[in-house]
C-alpha atoms as a PDB file:
ATOM      1  CA  UNK A   1       7.132 -15.068  11.910  1.00  0.00           C
ATOM      2  CA  UNK A   2       5.305 -11.923  10.360  1.00  0.00           C
ATOM      3  CA  UNK A   3       3.320 -10.732  12.532  1.00  0.00           C
ATOM      4  CA  UNK A   4       1.591  -7.579  10.966  1.00  0.00           C
ATOM      5  CA  UNK A   5       0.882  -5.517   7.838  1.00  0.00           C
ATOM      6  CA  UNK A   6       0.834  -2.091   9.430  1.00  0.00           C
ATOM      7  CA  UNK A   7       1.537   0.354   6.668  1.00  0.00           C
ATOM      8  CA  UNK A   8       1.911   0.546   3.240  1.00  0.00           C
ATOM      9  CA  UNK A   9       4.188   3.879   2.127  1.00  0.00           C
ATOM     10  CA  UNK A  10       3.475   6.254  -0.923  1.00  0.00           C
ATOM     11  CA  UNK A  11       6.358   8.479  -2.774  1.00  0.00           C
ATOM     12  CA  UNK A  12       5.696  11.611  -3.729  1.00  0.00           C
ATOM     13  CA  UNK A  13       7.556  14.297  -5.224  1.00  0.00           C
ATOM     14  CA  UNK A  14       5.605  17.560  -3.238  1.00  0.00           C
ATOM     15  CA  UNK A  15       5.663  16.211   0.492  1.00  0.00           C
ATOM     16  CA  UNK A  16       3.701  19.333   2.102  1.00  0.00           C
ATOM     17  CA  UNK A  17       1.052  19.090  -0.895  1.00  0.00           C
ATOM     18  CA  UNK A  18       0.432  15.376  -0.174  1.00  0.00           C
ATOM     19  CA  UNK A  19      -0.069  15.831   3.171  1.00  0.00           C
ATOM     20  CA  UNK A  20      -2.243  18.553   3.250  1.00  0.00           C
ATOM     21  CA  UNK A  21      -4.213  16.729   0.597  1.00  0.00           C
ATOM     22  CA  UNK A  22      -4.662  13.555   3.010  1.00  0.00           C
ATOM     23  CA  UNK A  23      -5.054  15.873   6.150  1.00  0.00           C
ATOM     24  CA  UNK A  24      -7.174  18.390   4.893  1.00  0.00           C
ATOM     25  CA  UNK A  25      -9.289  16.953   1.897  1.00  0.00           C
ATOM     26  CA  UNK A  26      -9.765  12.819   2.975  1.00  0.00           C
ATOM     27  CA  UNK A  27     -10.111  14.189   6.304  1.00  0.00           C
ATOM     28  CA  UNK A  28      -7.326  11.455   8.194  1.00  0.00           C
ATOM     29  CA  UNK A  29      -5.519  12.120  11.108  1.00  0.00           C
ATOM     30  CA  UNK A  30      -2.095  12.956   9.934  1.00  0.00           C
ATOM     31  CA  UNK A  31       1.473  12.570  11.594  1.00  0.00           C
ATOM     32  CA  UNK A  32       4.299  14.670  10.416  1.00  0.00           C
ATOM     33  CA  UNK A  33       7.711  13.531  11.633  1.00  0.00           C
ATOM     34  CA  UNK A  34       9.677  15.217   8.922  1.00  0.00           C
ATOM     35  CA  UNK A  35      11.711  16.880  11.394  1.00  0.00           C
ATOM     36  CA  UNK A  36      13.355  14.144  12.875  1.00  0.00           C
ATOM     37  CA  UNK A  37      13.474  11.609   9.680  1.00  0.00           C
ATOM     38  CA  UNK A  38      15.211  13.790   7.444  1.00  0.00           C
ATOM     39  CA  UNK A  39      18.049  13.728  10.351  1.00  0.00           C
ATOM     40  CA  UNK A  40      17.545  10.394  10.912  1.00  0.00           C
ATOM     41  CA  UNK A  41      16.764   8.970   7.464  1.00  0.00           C
ATOM     42  CA  UNK A  42      17.545  11.763   4.876  1.00  0.00           C
ATOM     43  CA  UNK A  43      13.902  11.615   3.726  1.00  0.00           C
ATOM     44  CA  UNK A  44      10.527  13.384   4.883  1.00  0.00           C
ATOM     45  CA  UNK A  45       7.573  11.182   6.476  1.00  0.00           C
ATOM     46  CA  UNK A  46       4.287  11.515   7.755  1.00  0.00           C
ATOM     47  CA  UNK A  47       2.138   8.602   8.611  1.00  0.00           C
ATOM     48  CA  UNK A  48      -1.895   8.996   8.035  1.00  0.00           C
ATOM     49  CA  UNK A  49      -3.354   6.884  11.283  1.00  0.00           C
ATOM     50  CA  UNK A  50      -7.014   6.380  10.608  1.00  0.00           C
ATOM     51  CA  UNK A  51      -8.769   4.352  13.219  1.00  0.00           C
ATOM     52  CA  UNK A  52      -8.973   1.394  11.620  1.00  0.00           C
ATOM     53  CA  UNK A  53      -7.052  -0.673   9.471  1.00  0.00           C
ATOM     54  CA  UNK A  54      -3.550  -0.432   7.919  1.00  0.00           C
ATOM     55  CA  UNK A  55      -1.521   2.960   7.570  1.00  0.00           C
ATOM     56  CA  UNK A  56      -0.548   5.023   5.098  1.00  0.00           C
ATOM     57  CA  UNK A  57       2.914   6.377   4.777  1.00  0.00           C
ATOM     58  CA  UNK A  58       3.933   9.631   3.062  1.00  0.00           C
ATOM     59  CA  UNK A  59       7.545   9.648   1.811  1.00  0.00           C
ATOM     60  CA  UNK A  60       9.390  11.928  -0.148  1.00  0.00           C
ATOM     61  CA  UNK A  61      13.232  13.001  -0.944  1.00  0.00           C
ATOM     62  CA  UNK A  62      15.463  14.823   1.022  1.00  0.00           C
ATOM     63  CA  UNK A  63      19.132  14.150   1.269  1.00  0.00           C
ATOM     64  CA  UNK A  64      20.490  13.422  -1.754  1.00  0.00           C
ATOM     65  CA  UNK A  65      23.195  11.556  -0.347  1.00  0.00           C
ATOM     66  CA  UNK A  66      21.215   9.301   1.968  1.00  0.00           C
ATOM     67  CA  UNK A  67      20.420   5.753   1.210  1.00  0.00           C
ATOM     68  CA  UNK A  68      16.421   5.684   1.499  1.00  0.00           C
ATOM     69  CA  UNK A  69      16.693   9.085  -0.225  1.00  0.00           C
ATOM     70  CA  UNK A  70      18.640   7.506  -3.126  1.00  0.00           C
ATOM     71  CA  UNK A  71      15.511   4.419  -3.296  1.00  0.00           C
ATOM     72  CA  UNK A  72      12.971   7.094  -3.152  1.00  0.00           C
ATOM     73  CA  UNK A  73      14.384   9.284  -5.763  1.00  0.00           C
ATOM     74  CA  UNK A  74      15.095   6.261  -8.449  1.00  0.00           C
ATOM     75  CA  UNK A  75      11.734   4.797  -7.815  1.00  0.00           C
ATOM     76  CA  UNK A  76      10.235   8.717  -8.863  1.00  0.00           C
ATOM     77  CA  UNK A  77      12.491   8.721 -11.519  1.00  0.00           C
ATOM     78  CA  UNK A  78      11.844   5.531 -13.326  1.00  0.00           C
ATOM     79  CA  UNK A  79       7.849   4.845 -12.441  1.00  0.00           C
ATOM     80  CA  UNK A  80       6.729   8.443 -10.811  1.00  0.00           C
ATOM     81  CA  UNK A  81       4.664   8.715  -7.747  1.00  0.00           C
ATOM     82  CA  UNK A  82       2.806   6.141  -6.390  1.00  0.00           C
ATOM     83  CA  UNK A  83       2.522   3.108  -4.027  1.00  0.00           C
ATOM     84  CA  UNK A  84       6.054   2.376  -3.337  1.00  0.00           C
ATOM     85  CA  UNK A  85       6.565  -0.601  -0.632  1.00  0.00           C
ATOM     86  CA  UNK A  86       4.671  -2.706   1.361  1.00  0.00           C
ATOM     87  CA  UNK A  87       5.422  -3.138   4.954  1.00  0.00           C
ATOM     88  CA  UNK A  88       5.181  -6.626   7.227  1.00  0.00           C
ATOM     89  CA  UNK A  89       6.394  -6.374  10.642  1.00  0.00           C
ATOM     90  CA  UNK A  90       8.139  -9.418  12.756  1.00  0.00           C
ATOM     91  CA  UNK A  91      10.092  -9.888  15.876  1.00  0.00           C
ATOM     92  CA  UNK A  92      13.404  -9.930  14.648  1.00  0.00           C
ATOM     93  CA  UNK A  93      13.913  -9.148  11.220  1.00  0.00           C
ATOM     94  CA  UNK A  94      17.340 -10.058  10.616  1.00  0.00           C
ATOM     95  CA  UNK A  95      16.381 -13.681  11.401  1.00  0.00           C
ATOM     96  CA  UNK A  96      13.255 -13.042   9.670  1.00  0.00           C
ATOM     97  CA  UNK A  97      15.779 -11.810   6.869  1.00  0.00           C
ATOM     98  CA  UNK A  98      17.257 -15.270   7.123  1.00  0.00           C
ATOM     99  CA  UNK A  99      14.646 -17.272   6.797  1.00  0.00           C
ATOM    100  CA  UNK A 100      13.544 -15.535   3.766  1.00  0.00           C
ATOM    101  CA  UNK A 101      16.809 -15.872   1.979  1.00  0.00           C
ATOM    102  CA  UNK A 102      16.788 -19.907   2.837  1.00  0.00           C
ATOM    103  CA  UNK A 103      12.747 -19.712   0.922  1.00  0.00           C
ATOM    104  CA  UNK A 104      14.371 -18.179  -1.900  1.00  0.00           C
ATOM    105  CA  UNK A 105      13.428 -14.262  -1.840  1.00  0.00           C
ATOM    106  CA  UNK A 106      15.808 -12.039  -2.798  1.00  0.00           C
ATOM    107  CA  UNK A 107      16.519 -10.372   0.603  1.00  0.00           C
ATOM    108  CA  UNK A 108      19.135  -7.088   0.215  1.00  0.00           C
ATOM    109  CA  UNK A 109      21.640  -6.428   3.068  1.00  0.00           C
ATOM    110  CA  UNK A 110      20.544  -3.641   5.946  1.00  0.00           C
ATOM    111  CA  UNK A 111      20.775  -0.222   4.738  1.00  0.00           C
ATOM    112  CA  UNK A 112      22.557   2.015   6.341  1.00  0.00           C
ATOM    113  CA  UNK A 113      19.856   3.788   8.914  1.00  0.00           C
ATOM    114  CA  UNK A 114      17.175   1.674   8.333  1.00  0.00           C
ATOM    115  CA  UNK A 115      15.278  -0.480  11.395  1.00  0.00           C
ATOM    116  CA  UNK A 116      13.991  -3.074   8.817  1.00  0.00           C
ATOM    117  CA  UNK A 117      15.488  -5.517   5.828  1.00  0.00           C
ATOM    118  CA  UNK A 118      14.075  -5.332   2.235  1.00  0.00           C
ATOM    119  CA  UNK A 119      13.191  -7.857  -0.084  1.00  0.00           C
ATOM    120  CA  UNK A 120      13.595  -6.849  -3.632  1.00  0.00           C
ATOM    121  CA  UNK A 121      10.802  -6.196  -6.056  1.00  0.00           C
ATOM    122  CA  UNK A 122      12.632  -8.977  -8.430  1.00  0.00           C
ATOM    123  CA  UNK A 123      11.555 -12.130  -6.470  1.00  0.00           C
ATOM    124  CA  UNK A 124       8.243 -10.343  -5.051  1.00  0.00           C
ATOM    125  CA  UNK A 125       6.338  -9.377  -8.467  1.00  0.00           C
ATOM    126  CA  UNK A 126       6.728  -6.138  -8.576  1.00  0.00           C
ATOM    127  CA  UNK A 127       6.890  -4.911  -4.532  1.00  0.00           C
ATOM    128  CA  UNK A 128       9.139  -4.132  -2.758  1.00  0.00           C
ATOM    129  CA  UNK A 129       8.650  -5.436   1.198  1.00  0.00           C
ATOM    130  CA  UNK A 130       9.986  -3.771   4.222  1.00  0.00           C
ATOM    131  CA  UNK A 131      10.220  -6.088   7.400  1.00  0.00           C
ATOM    132  CA  UNK A 132      10.422  -4.157  10.467  1.00  0.00           C
ATOM    133  CA  UNK A 133      10.432  -4.707  13.936  1.00  0.00           C
ATOM    134  CA  UNK A 134       7.254  -5.041  15.488  1.00  0.00           C
ATOM    135  CA  UNK A 135       5.559  -1.876  16.792  1.00  0.00           C
ATOM    136  CA  UNK A 136       7.645  -0.495  14.319  1.00  0.00           C
ATOM    137  CA  UNK A 137       5.670   3.450  14.331  1.00  0.00           C
ATOM    138  CA  UNK A 138       3.399   4.423  17.604  1.00  0.00           C
ATOM    139  CA  UNK A 139       0.943   7.082  16.835  1.00  0.00           C
ATOM    140  CA  UNK A 140       0.479   9.625  19.324  1.00  0.00           C
ATOM    141  CA  UNK A 141      -2.447  12.140  20.043  1.00  0.00           C
ATOM    142  CA  UNK A 142      -1.153  15.281  19.310  1.00  0.00           C
ATOM    143  CA  UNK A 143      -2.605  15.542  15.448  1.00  0.00           C
ATOM    144  CA  UNK A 144      -6.291  15.016  15.953  1.00  0.00           C
ATOM    145  CA  UNK A 145      -8.936  15.676  13.160  1.00  0.00           C
ATOM    146  CA  UNK A 146     -12.620  14.948  12.865  1.00  0.00           C
ATOM    147  CA  UNK A 147     -11.992  12.105  10.069  1.00  0.00           C
ATOM    148  CA  UNK A 148     -15.013  11.095   7.748  1.00  0.00           C
ATOM    149  CA  UNK A 149     -16.372   7.786   7.343  1.00  0.00           C
ATOM    150  CA  UNK A 150     -13.093   6.594   5.941  1.00  0.00           C
ATOM    151  CA  UNK A 151     -10.860   3.144   6.945  1.00  0.00           C
ATOM    152  CA  UNK A 152      -7.090   3.140   6.515  1.00  0.00           C
ATOM    153  CA  UNK A 153      -6.239  -0.256   4.381  1.00  0.00           C
ATOM    154  CA  UNK A 154      -7.742  -2.722   4.377  1.00  0.00           C
ATOM    155  CA  UNK A 155      -6.526  -4.582   1.568  1.00  0.00           C
ATOM    156  CA  UNK A 156      -3.917  -3.942  -0.682  1.00  0.00           C
ATOM    157  CA  UNK A 157      -5.110  -5.182  -4.563  1.00  0.00           C
ATOM    158  CA  UNK A 158      -1.486  -6.923  -6.195  1.00  0.00           C
ATOM    159  CA  UNK A 159      -1.127  -7.232  -9.919  1.00  0.00           C
ATOM    160  CA  UNK A 160       0.592  -9.904 -11.375  1.00  0.00           C
ATOM    161  CA  UNK A 161       0.943 -12.130 -14.433  1.00  0.00           C
ATOM    162  CA  UNK A 162       1.738 -15.405 -12.609  1.00  0.00           C
ATOM    163  CA  UNK A 163      -0.990 -16.362 -10.070  1.00  0.00           C
ATOM    164  CA  UNK A 164       0.262 -19.453  -8.640  1.00  0.00           C
ATOM    165  CA  UNK A 165       3.752 -18.178  -8.309  1.00  0.00           C
ATOM    166  CA  UNK A 166       2.546 -15.512  -6.413  1.00  0.00           C
ATOM    167  CA  UNK A 167       0.530 -17.472  -4.325  1.00  0.00           C
ATOM    168  CA  UNK A 168       3.379 -19.560  -3.532  1.00  0.00           C
ATOM    169  CA  UNK A 169       5.934 -16.316  -3.016  1.00  0.00           C
ATOM    170  CA  UNK A 170       3.877 -14.630  -0.383  1.00  0.00           C
ATOM    171  CA  UNK A 171       1.774 -18.097   0.715  1.00  0.00           C
ATOM    172  CA  UNK A 172       4.819 -20.298   1.154  1.00  0.00           C
ATOM    173  CA  UNK A 173       7.885 -17.773   1.632  1.00  0.00           C
ATOM    174  CA  UNK A 174       6.275 -15.051   3.727  1.00  0.00           C
ATOM    175  CA  UNK A 175       4.445 -17.879   5.253  1.00  0.00           C
ATOM    176  CA  UNK A 176       1.157 -16.137   5.603  1.00  0.00           C
ATOM    177  CA  UNK A 177      -2.636 -17.747   5.507  1.00  0.00           C
ATOM    178  CA  UNK A 178      -3.656 -17.984   1.970  1.00  0.00           C
ATOM    179  CA  UNK A 179      -6.370 -18.953   0.155  1.00  0.00           C
ATOM    180  CA  UNK A 180      -7.053 -20.896  -2.911  1.00  0.00           C
ATOM    181  CA  UNK A 181      -6.894 -19.471  -6.151  1.00  0.00           C
ATOM    182  CA  UNK A 182     -10.417 -18.388  -7.246  1.00  0.00           C
ATOM    183  CA  UNK A 183     -11.917 -17.262 -10.429  1.00  0.00           C
ATOM    184  CA  UNK A 184     -14.156 -14.448 -10.158  1.00  0.00           C
ATOM    185  CA  UNK A 185     -16.114 -13.691 -13.011  1.00  0.00           C
ATOM    186  CA  UNK A 186     -17.954 -10.267 -12.083  1.00  0.00           C
ATOM    187  CA  UNK A 187     -14.169  -8.774 -11.742  1.00  0.00           C
ATOM    188  CA  UNK A 188     -12.771 -11.313 -14.209  1.00  0.00           C
ATOM    189  CA  UNK A 189      -9.728 -11.961 -12.510  1.00  0.00           C
ATOM    190  CA  UNK A 190      -8.122 -14.632 -10.910  1.00  0.00           C
ATOM    191  CA  UNK A 191      -7.479 -14.091  -6.793  1.00  0.00           C
ATOM    192  CA  UNK A 192      -5.857 -15.252  -4.456  1.00  0.00           C
ATOM    193  CA  UNK A 193      -6.427 -13.188  -0.761  1.00  0.00           C
ATOM    194  CA  UNK A 194      -3.749 -13.403   1.894  1.00  0.00           C
ATOM    195  CA  UNK A 195      -4.128 -12.603   5.373  1.00  0.00           C
ATOM    196  CA  UNK A 196      -1.206 -11.326   7.663  1.00  0.00           C
ATOM    197  CA  UNK A 197      -1.644 -11.700  11.732  1.00  0.00           C
ATOM    198  CA  UNK A 198      -3.319  -8.513  11.548  1.00  0.00           C
ATOM    199  CA  UNK A 199      -3.107  -5.407   9.816  1.00  0.00           C
ATOM    200  CA  UNK A 200      -5.213  -6.207   6.966  1.00  0.00           C
ATOM    201  CA  UNK A 201      -5.107  -8.445   3.234  1.00  0.00           C
ATOM    202  CA  UNK A 202      -3.290  -8.757   0.537  1.00  0.00           C
ATOM    203  CA  UNK A 203      -5.248  -9.579  -2.599  1.00  0.00           C
ATOM    204  CA  UNK A 204      -3.345 -10.801  -5.752  1.00  0.00           C
ATOM    205  CA  UNK A 205      -4.934 -10.656  -9.263  1.00  0.00           C
ATOM    206  CA  UNK A 206      -4.405 -11.927 -12.201  1.00  0.00           C
ATOM    207  CA  UNK A 207      -6.709 -11.312 -15.323  1.00  0.00           C
ATOM    208  CA  UNK A 208      -9.205 -13.988 -16.591  1.00  0.00           C
ATOM    209  CA  UNK A 209     -11.688 -12.585 -18.922  1.00  0.00           C
ATOM    210  CA  UNK A 210      -9.762  -9.210 -20.146  1.00  0.00           C
ATOM    211  CA  UNK A 211     -13.907  -7.947 -21.559  1.00  0.00           C
ATOM    212  CA  UNK A 212     -14.573  -7.367 -17.445  1.00  0.00           C
ATOM    213  CA  UNK A 213     -13.997  -3.871 -16.645  1.00  0.00           C
ATOM    214  CA  UNK A 214     -11.443  -4.466 -13.626  1.00  0.00           C
ATOM    215  CA  UNK A 215     -10.002  -6.767 -15.568  1.00  0.00           C
ATOM    216  CA  UNK A 216      -9.331  -4.301 -18.307  1.00  0.00           C
ATOM    217  CA  UNK A 217      -8.147  -2.165 -15.843  1.00  0.00           C
ATOM    218  CA  UNK A 218      -5.639  -4.733 -14.357  1.00  0.00           C
ATOM    219  CA  UNK A 219      -3.825  -5.259 -17.595  1.00  0.00           C
ATOM    220  CA  UNK A 220      -3.485  -2.054 -18.650  1.00  0.00           C
ATOM    221  CA  UNK A 221      -1.941  -1.675 -15.497  1.00  0.00           C
ATOM    222  CA  UNK A 222       0.535  -4.305 -16.202  1.00  0.00           C
ATOM    223  CA  UNK A 223       1.097  -3.359 -19.701  1.00  0.00           C
ATOM    224  CA  UNK A 224       2.216  -0.130 -18.289  1.00  0.00           C
ATOM    225  CA  UNK A 225       4.157  -0.869 -14.921  1.00  0.00           C
ATOM    226  CA  UNK A 226       4.138  -4.330 -15.078  1.00  0.00           C
ATOM    227  CA  UNK A 227       3.280  -5.925 -12.225  1.00  0.00           C
ATOM    228  CA  UNK A 228       3.566  -4.542  -8.626  1.00  0.00           C
ATOM    229  CA  UNK A 229       0.799  -3.072  -6.293  1.00  0.00           C
ATOM    230  CA  UNK A 230      -2.445  -1.673  -8.429  1.00  0.00           C
ATOM    231  CA  UNK A 231      -4.945  -0.380  -5.586  1.00  0.00           C
ATOM    232  CA  UNK A 232      -5.115   0.603  -2.043  1.00  0.00           C
ATOM    233  CA  UNK A 233      -8.645  -0.478  -0.371  1.00  0.00           C
ATOM    234  CA  UNK A 234     -10.368   1.648   2.198  1.00  0.00           C
ATOM    235  CA  UNK A 235     -14.129   1.525   3.563  1.00  0.00           C
ATOM    236  CA  UNK A 236     -16.617   3.291   4.270  1.00  0.00           C
ATOM    237  CA  UNK A 237     -20.363   3.156   5.696  1.00  0.00           C
ATOM    238  CA  UNK A 238     -21.710   5.873   4.042  1.00  0.00           C
ATOM    239  CA  UNK A 239     -20.356   5.731   0.205  1.00  0.00           C
ATOM    240  CA  UNK A 240     -22.998   8.705  -1.178  1.00  0.00           C
ATOM    241  CA  UNK A 241     -22.256  10.860   1.696  1.00  0.00           C
ATOM    242  CA  UNK A 242     -18.506  10.165   1.615  1.00  0.00           C
ATOM    243  CA  UNK A 243     -18.474  10.958  -1.705  1.00  0.00           C
ATOM    244  CA  UNK A 244     -20.394  14.221  -1.127  1.00  0.00           C
ATOM    245  CA  UNK A 245     -17.693  15.246   1.440  1.00  0.00           C
ATOM    246  CA  UNK A 246     -15.209  14.585  -1.012  1.00  0.00           C
ATOM    247  CA  UNK A 247     -16.359  15.993  -4.146  1.00  0.00           C
ATOM    248  CA  UNK A 248     -16.880  19.388  -2.092  1.00  0.00           C
ATOM    249  CA  UNK A 249     -12.636  19.564  -0.952  1.00  0.00           C
ATOM    250  CA  UNK A 250     -12.420  19.125  -5.076  1.00  0.00           C
ATOM    251  CA  UNK A 251     -11.791  15.875  -5.520  1.00  0.00           C
ATOM    252  CA  UNK A 252     -12.502  13.714  -8.283  1.00  0.00           C
ATOM    253  CA  UNK A 253     -14.773  10.803  -6.852  1.00  0.00           C
ATOM    254  CA  UNK A 254     -16.298   8.072  -9.330  1.00  0.00           C
ATOM    255  CA  UNK A 255     -18.327   5.347  -9.383  1.00  0.00           C
ATOM    256  CA  UNK A 256     -15.906   2.090 -10.000  1.00  0.00           C
ATOM    257  CA  UNK A 257     -16.876   0.709 -13.197  1.00  0.00           C
ATOM    258  CA  UNK A 258     -16.841  -2.933 -11.888  1.00  0.00           C
ATOM    259  CA  UNK A 259     -18.994  -2.428  -8.787  1.00  0.00           C
ATOM    260  CA  UNK A 260     -21.318  -0.107  -7.353  1.00  0.00           C
ATOM    261  CA  UNK A 261     -20.152  -0.487  -3.910  1.00  0.00           C
ATOM    262  CA  UNK A 262     -17.064   0.716  -4.568  1.00  0.00           C
ATOM    263  CA  UNK A 263     -16.213   4.419  -4.930  1.00  0.00           C
ATOM    264  CA  UNK A 264     -12.364   5.201  -6.413  1.00  0.00           C
ATOM    265  CA  UNK A 265      -9.995   8.221  -6.505  1.00  0.00           C
ATOM    266  CA  UNK A 266      -8.206   8.553  -9.273  1.00  0.00           C
ATOM    267  CA  UNK A 267      -4.517   8.652  -9.311  1.00  0.00           C
ATOM    268  CA  UNK A 268      -4.015  11.944 -10.358  1.00  0.00           C
ATOM    269  CA  UNK A 269      -5.174  12.861  -7.204  1.00  0.00           C
ATOM    270  CA  UNK A 270      -3.788  11.076  -4.932  1.00  0.00           C
ATOM    271  CA  UNK A 271      -0.511  11.447  -6.117  1.00  0.00           C
ATOM    272  CA  UNK A 272      -0.078   8.407  -7.844  1.00  0.00           C
ATOM    273  CA  UNK A 273      -1.792   6.006  -5.675  1.00  0.00           C
ATOM    274  CA  UNK A 274      -5.449   4.818  -6.677  1.00  0.00           C
ATOM    275  CA  UNK A 275      -7.503   4.620  -4.129  1.00  0.00           C
ATOM    276  CA  UNK A 276     -10.799   2.283  -3.752  1.00  0.00           C
ATOM    277  CA  UNK A 277     -13.453   2.318  -0.933  1.00  0.00           C
ATOM    278  CA  UNK A 278     -15.530  -0.380  -0.567  1.00  0.00           C
ATOM    279  CA  UNK A 279     -18.897  -0.588   1.317  1.00  0.00           C
ATOM    280  CA  UNK A 280     -18.017  -1.635   5.167  1.00  0.00           C
ATOM    281  CA  UNK A 281     -20.302  -3.968   5.987  1.00  0.00           C
ATOM    282  CA  UNK A 282     -21.804  -3.623   9.550  1.00  0.00           C
ATOM    283  CA  UNK A 283     -19.844  -4.932  12.627  1.00  0.00           C
END
């Protein structure tokens, strides 16, 4: 049983610059665990641990002989920096892997040194899904900062060509709660929301009306990247104040073309990851 979507990983070339950007420009609490992760996994790792939402994991190759480092380098060589893997949790990843295999997903053999199981992107519409044990990362209090009004990941948007099939993959094969297919005329897309028990949502989208700005952007992504994770969605109570703060840190912040209640941080500034920041509804 999948219990959570605790984090999503970004693969980057320059680990130190990325950590600096998320920590000092975005103002997120970031825990650098690269000292231990290089030894255990052969890769540099850091975790952005905001007060709410799913975490953002920063990953970079370090040891060319380590399987994780090889996987990261292959991704960077093929697609460049960007959203690398979607993490799910289950009480027993190996038992969960057997269930996923039986349901028709392409689950890979256990990677040396890994604590979980990988599902190949060719069966998940371009997304590397990694299934880890429950509580696979425990944050500590050693790297506290004064964060801006900015959450962690509330939703990941996955661009797909066949929305009906993608809905079956994430709804039936991963056994996540899913909405029916809904057409969003304002954005020009068909949409399915998949909700793990905790840790944000997965939104599957496909193009319905390519004249709408959001759908046009999704279409361009599909043409250039094929299917896969399109954007991470965060939230803030005060978008104008946040935009001013981030701009003073040298980040390019723009209003999304599809909504006056959404800011975007460009992929060029965010190491290949498009960050969309939506207005947070009152609790």
